[in-house]
Amino acid sequence: MMKCLMVAALCASGLAAVGQAMAACSCGPDYCPDTAAYRSELASKKAAANANGAPPRLVALYDKLDHCVASIRMSPDAFNILRQENDGTITVDGWTEENERNDAAAVRAGTLKVCYVMLTRTAFVCCGGTQPEDRADYDTTLKMNKSTALSCE
């Protein structure tokens, strides 16, 4: 009988903790930050990127996304390159090692203004998060959050 009471008490305290965690995030489970499901989604997304041959420095960009399931699920499975020409024109297309290398050389030569490898142009907002354009990393010229991007190498 005593064991049953202890188990019941532990279950009740566990349910209370779950209830408190859910109450702290009213946006729905996919938008709640730092959940076990988020950690699982992140690990799966990174494993897939690794399996597809993405360089570790790019795979690490997934760690910089907002920390909720929806952010990971909605993030691209591949990387893109954003280029800004000297006249201000911006283009975005798929990343390859070769075009990153060529674009980095163009930036060094001054024939291209900037080049970034990125996951997503603007940050995703999890529950309680800050809007993309209100974040310190937001570049108004590029209309991009730079925290999930790297300069071309």
C-alpha atoms as a PDB file:
ATOM      1  CA  MET A   1       0.000   0.000   0.000  1.00  0.00           C
ATOM      2  CA  MET A   2       2.816   2.370   0.863  1.00  0.00           C
ATOM      3  CA  LYS A   3       4.473   1.693  -2.518  1.00  0.00           C
ATOM      4  CA  CYS A   4       1.238   2.509  -4.311  1.00  0.00           C
ATOM      5  CA  LEU A   5       0.929   5.799  -2.452  1.00  0.00           C
ATOM      6  CA  MET A   6       4.536   6.720  -3.287  1.00  0.00           C
ATOM      7  CA  VAL A   7       4.038   5.865  -6.964  1.00  0.00           C
ATOM      8  CA  ALA A   8       0.806   7.871  -7.036  1.00  0.00           C
ATOM      9  CA  ALA A   9       2.546  10.846  -5.434  1.00  0.00           C
ATOM     10  CA  LEU A  10       5.407  10.679  -7.936  1.00  0.00           C
ATOM     11  CA  CYS A  11       2.964  10.440 -10.849  1.00  0.00           C
ATOM     12  CA  ALA A  12       0.970  13.389  -9.555  1.00  0.00           C
ATOM     13  CA  SER A  13       4.090  15.532  -9.143  1.00  0.00           C
ATOM     14  CA  GLY A  14       5.237  14.542 -12.654  1.00  0.00           C
ATOM     15  CA  LEU A  15       1.861  15.463 -14.127  1.00  0.00           C
ATOM     16  CA  ALA A  16       1.949  18.767 -12.277  1.00  0.00           C
ATOM     17  CA  ALA A  17       5.375  19.530 -13.762  1.00  0.00           C
ATOM     18  CA  VAL A  18       4.134  18.699 -17.261  1.00  0.00           C
ATOM     19  CA  GLY A  19       1.086  20.877 -16.704  1.00  0.00           C
ATOM     20  CA  GLN A  20       3.265  23.770 -15.544  1.00  0.00           C
ATOM     21  CA  ALA A  21       5.545  23.403 -18.560  1.00  0.00           C
ATOM     22  CA  MET A  22       2.547  23.390 -20.907  1.00  0.00           C
ATOM     23  CA  ALA A  23       1.063  26.405 -19.150  1.00  0.00           C
ATOM     24  CA  ALA A  24       4.330  28.285 -19.662  1.00  0.00           C
ATOM     25  CA  CYS A  25       3.984  27.850 -23.438  1.00  0.00           C
ATOM     26  CA  SER A  26       0.522  28.417 -24.823  1.00  0.00           C
ATOM     27  CA  CYS A  27       1.625  28.413 -28.473  1.00  0.00           C
ATOM     28  CA  GLY A  28       1.306  24.675 -29.031  1.00  0.00           C
ATOM     29  CA  PRO A  29       3.919  21.957 -28.606  1.00  0.00           C
ATOM     30  CA  ASP A  30       5.752  22.604 -31.891  1.00  0.00           C
ATOM     31  CA  TYR A  31       6.374  26.228 -30.938  1.00  0.00           C
ATOM     32  CA  CYS A  32       7.453  25.731 -27.304  1.00  0.00           C
ATOM     33  CA  PRO A  33      11.181  26.333 -26.855  1.00  0.00           C
ATOM     34  CA  ASP A  34      13.757  23.808 -25.678  1.00  0.00           C
ATOM     35  CA  THR A  35      11.631  20.675 -25.502  1.00  0.00           C
ATOM     36  CA  ALA A  36      12.803  17.078 -25.819  1.00  0.00           C
ATOM     37  CA  ALA A  37      11.011  16.951 -29.179  1.00  0.00           C
ATOM     38  CA  TYR A  38      13.053  19.966 -30.348  1.00  0.00           C
ATOM     39  CA  ARG A  39      16.303  18.235 -29.397  1.00  0.00           C
ATOM     40  CA  SER A  40      15.218  15.115 -31.276  1.00  0.00           C
ATOM     41  CA  GLU A  41      14.216  17.085 -34.418  1.00  0.00           C
ATOM     42  CA  LEU A  42      17.494  18.997 -34.321  1.00  0.00           C
ATOM     43  CA  ALA A  43      19.537  15.797 -34.056  1.00  0.00           C
ATOM     44  CA  SER A  44      17.620  14.259 -36.974  1.00  0.00           C
ATOM     45  CA  LYS A  45      18.027  17.353 -39.178  1.00  0.00           C
ATOM     46  CA  LYS A  46      21.754  17.542 -38.476  1.00  0.00           C
ATOM     47  CA  ALA A  47      22.222  13.812 -39.081  1.00  0.00           C
ATOM     48  CA  ALA A  48      20.490  14.132 -42.461  1.00  0.00           C
ATOM     49  CA  ALA A  49      22.671  17.115 -43.413  1.00  0.00           C
ATOM     50  CA  ASN A  50      25.784  15.180 -42.406  1.00  0.00           C
ATOM     51  CA  ALA A  51      24.619  12.160 -44.418  1.00  0.00           C
ATOM     52  CA  ASN A  52      24.143  14.416 -47.454  1.00  0.00           C
ATOM     53  CA  GLY A  53      27.758  15.569 -47.177  1.00  0.00           C
ATOM     54  CA  ALA A  54      27.246  19.062 -45.786  1.00  0.00           C
ATOM     55  CA  PRO A  55      30.406  20.487 -44.214  1.00  0.00           C
ATOM     56  CA  PRO A  56      30.371  20.593 -40.389  1.00  0.00           C
ATOM     57  CA  ARG A  57      30.560  24.414 -40.341  1.00  0.00           C
ATOM     58  CA  LEU A  58      27.273  24.527 -42.268  1.00  0.00           C
ATOM     59  CA  VAL A  59      25.587  21.768 -40.254  1.00  0.00           C
ATOM     60  CA  ALA A  60      26.376  23.842 -37.142  1.00  0.00           C
ATOM     61  CA  LEU A  61      24.045  26.562 -38.471  1.00  0.00           C
ATOM     62  CA  TYR A  62      21.092  24.395 -37.389  1.00  0.00           C
ATOM     63  CA  ASP A  63      22.145  25.008 -33.778  1.00  0.00           C
ATOM     64  CA  LYS A  64      21.590  28.727 -34.353  1.00  0.00           C
ATOM     65  CA  LEU A  65      17.936  28.382 -35.346  1.00  0.00           C
ATOM     66  CA  ASP A  66      15.294  29.196 -32.767  1.00  0.00           C
ATOM     67  CA  HIS A  67      14.902  26.293 -30.373  1.00  0.00           C
ATOM     68  CA  CYS A  68      11.497  24.829 -31.173  1.00  0.00           C
ATOM     69  CA  VAL A  69      10.261  21.896 -33.240  1.00  0.00           C
ATOM     70  CA  ALA A  70       8.547  24.118 -35.828  1.00  0.00           C
ATOM     71  CA  SER A  71      11.748  26.051 -36.472  1.00  0.00           C
ATOM     72  CA  ILE A  72      13.650  22.861 -37.253  1.00  0.00           C
ATOM     73  CA  ARG A  73      10.866  21.246 -39.281  1.00  0.00           C
ATOM     74  CA  MET A  74      10.383  24.371 -41.400  1.00  0.00           C
ATOM     75  CA  SER A  75      14.071  24.976 -41.975  1.00  0.00           C
ATOM     76  CA  PRO A  76      15.474  23.951 -45.338  1.00  0.00           C
ATOM     77  CA  ASP A  77      17.165  20.601 -45.807  1.00  0.00           C
ATOM     78  CA  ALA A  78      19.826  22.267 -47.948  1.00  0.00           C
ATOM     79  CA  PHE A  79      21.846  25.458 -47.818  1.00  0.00           C
ATOM     80  CA  ASN A  80      21.588  28.503 -50.052  1.00  0.00           C
ATOM     81  CA  ILE A  81      23.881  31.326 -51.069  1.00  0.00           C
ATOM     82  CA  LEU A  82      22.820  34.953 -50.891  1.00  0.00           C
ATOM     83  CA  ARG A  83      24.845  37.328 -53.054  1.00  0.00           C
ATOM     84  CA  GLN A  84      24.707  41.080 -53.215  1.00  0.00           C
ATOM     85  CA  GLU A  85      26.149  42.648 -56.345  1.00  0.00           C
ATOM     86  CA  ASN A  86      27.981  45.962 -56.133  1.00  0.00           C
ATOM     87  CA  ASP A  87      24.871  47.682 -57.543  1.00  0.00           C
ATOM     88  CA  GLY A  88      22.784  46.291 -54.639  1.00  0.00           C
ATOM     89  CA  THR A  89      21.049  43.510 -56.585  1.00  0.00           C
ATOM     90  CA  ILE A  90      20.481  40.431 -54.425  1.00  0.00           C
ATOM     91  CA  THR A  91      20.251  36.865 -55.718  1.00  0.00           C
ATOM     92  CA  VAL A  92      19.749  33.618 -53.835  1.00  0.00           C
ATOM     93  CA  ASP A  93      20.355  30.111 -55.108  1.00  0.00           C
ATOM     94  CA  GLY A  94      21.461  26.694 -53.947  1.00  0.00           C
ATOM     95  CA  TRP A  95      24.816  26.187 -52.244  1.00  0.00           C
ATOM     96  CA  THR A  96      27.608  24.165 -53.752  1.00  0.00           C
ATOM     97  CA  GLU A  97      31.191  24.091 -52.615  1.00  0.00           C
ATOM     98  CA  GLU A  98      32.279  25.365 -56.015  1.00  0.00           C
ATOM     99  CA  ASN A  99      29.944  28.357 -56.208  1.00  0.00           C
ATOM    100  CA  GLU A 100      30.786  29.342 -52.629  1.00  0.00           C
ATOM    101  CA  ARG A 101      34.491  29.240 -53.470  1.00  0.00           C
ATOM    102  CA  ASN A 102      33.929  31.272 -56.675  1.00  0.00           C
ATOM    103  CA  ASP A 103      31.727  33.816 -54.905  1.00  0.00           C
ATOM    104  CA  ALA A 104      34.230  34.241 -52.061  1.00  0.00           C
ATOM    105  CA  ALA A 105      36.914  34.944 -54.653  1.00  0.00           C
ATOM    106  CA  ALA A 106      34.613  37.483 -56.316  1.00  0.00           C
ATOM    107  CA  VAL A 107      34.101  39.259 -52.967  1.00  0.00           C
ATOM    108  CA  ARG A 108      37.874  39.389 -52.404  1.00  0.00           C
ATOM    109  CA  ALA A 109      38.341  40.734 -55.952  1.00  0.00           C
ATOM    110  CA  GLY A 110      35.675  43.392 -55.394  1.00  0.00           C
ATOM    111  CA  THR A 111      33.391  42.175 -58.184  1.00  0.00           C
ATOM    112  CA  LEU A 112      30.764  41.015 -55.669  1.00  0.00           C
ATOM    113  CA  LYS A 113      29.803  43.050 -52.597  1.00  0.00           C
ATOM    114  CA  VAL A 114      28.859  40.233 -50.179  1.00  0.00           C
ATOM    115  CA  CYS A 115      28.200  36.523 -50.150  1.00  0.00           C
ATOM    116  CA  TYR A 116      26.605  34.441 -47.387  1.00  0.00           C
ATOM    117  CA  VAL A 117      25.830  30.754 -47.065  1.00  0.00           C
ATOM    118  CA  MET A 118      22.557  30.492 -45.165  1.00  0.00           C
ATOM    119  CA  LEU A 119      19.824  28.210 -43.990  1.00  0.00           C
ATOM    120  CA  THR A 120      17.083  30.778 -44.068  1.00  0.00           C
ATOM    121  CA  ARG A 121      16.994  34.464 -44.830  1.00  0.00           C
ATOM    122  CA  THR A 122      14.899  35.454 -41.838  1.00  0.00           C
ATOM    123  CA  ALA A 123      14.692  33.912 -38.395  1.00  0.00           C
ATOM    124  CA  PHE A 124      11.761  31.768 -37.341  1.00  0.00           C
ATOM    125  CA  VAL A 125       9.852  32.880 -34.254  1.00  0.00           C
ATOM    126  CA  CYS A 126       9.127  30.302 -31.564  1.00  0.00           C
ATOM    127  CA  CYS A 127       6.751  31.020 -28.690  1.00  0.00           C
ATOM    128  CA  GLY A 128       7.781  34.210 -26.921  1.00  0.00           C
ATOM    129  CA  GLY A 129      10.515  34.949 -29.472  1.00  0.00           C
ATOM    130  CA  THR A 130      11.516  38.242 -31.024  1.00  0.00           C
ATOM    131  CA  GLN A 131      10.435  39.142 -34.539  1.00  0.00           C
ATOM    132  CA  PRO A 132      13.216  38.733 -37.159  1.00  0.00           C
ATOM    133  CA  GLU A 133      13.542  42.436 -37.958  1.00  0.00           C
ATOM    134  CA  ASP A 134      13.755  43.338 -34.242  1.00  0.00           C
ATOM    135  CA  ARG A 135      16.805  41.135 -33.602  1.00  0.00           C
ATOM    136  CA  ALA A 136      20.318  42.532 -33.297  1.00  0.00           C
ATOM    137  CA  ASP A 137      21.548  40.369 -36.199  1.00  0.00           C
ATOM    138  CA  TYR A 138      19.030  41.724 -38.712  1.00  0.00           C
ATOM    139  CA  ASP A 139      20.624  43.434 -41.713  1.00  0.00           C
ATOM    140  CA  THR A 140      18.112  45.852 -43.237  1.00  0.00           C
ATOM    141  CA  THR A 141      20.051  46.127 -46.503  1.00  0.00           C
ATOM    142  CA  LEU A 142      20.041  42.358 -47.072  1.00  0.00           C
ATOM    143  CA  LYS A 143      16.698  41.797 -45.297  1.00  0.00           C
ATOM    144  CA  MET A 144      18.391  38.913 -43.516  1.00  0.00           C
ATOM    145  CA  ASN A 145      19.160  37.655 -40.034  1.00  0.00           C
ATOM    146  CA  LYS A 146      22.883  36.965 -40.131  1.00  0.00           C
ATOM    147  CA  SER A 147      22.970  34.595 -37.153  1.00  0.00           C
ATOM    148  CA  THR A 148      22.029  31.636 -39.363  1.00  0.00           C
ATOM    149  CA  ALA A 149      24.469  32.577 -42.111  1.00  0.00           C
ATOM    150  CA  LEU A 150      28.207  32.447 -42.703  1.00  0.00           C
ATOM    151  CA  SER A 151      30.348  34.579 -44.980  1.00  0.00           C
ATOM    152  CA  CYS A 152      31.430  32.634 -48.032  1.00  0.00           C
ATOM    153  CA  GLU A 153      34.875  31.067 -47.714  1.00  0.00           C
END
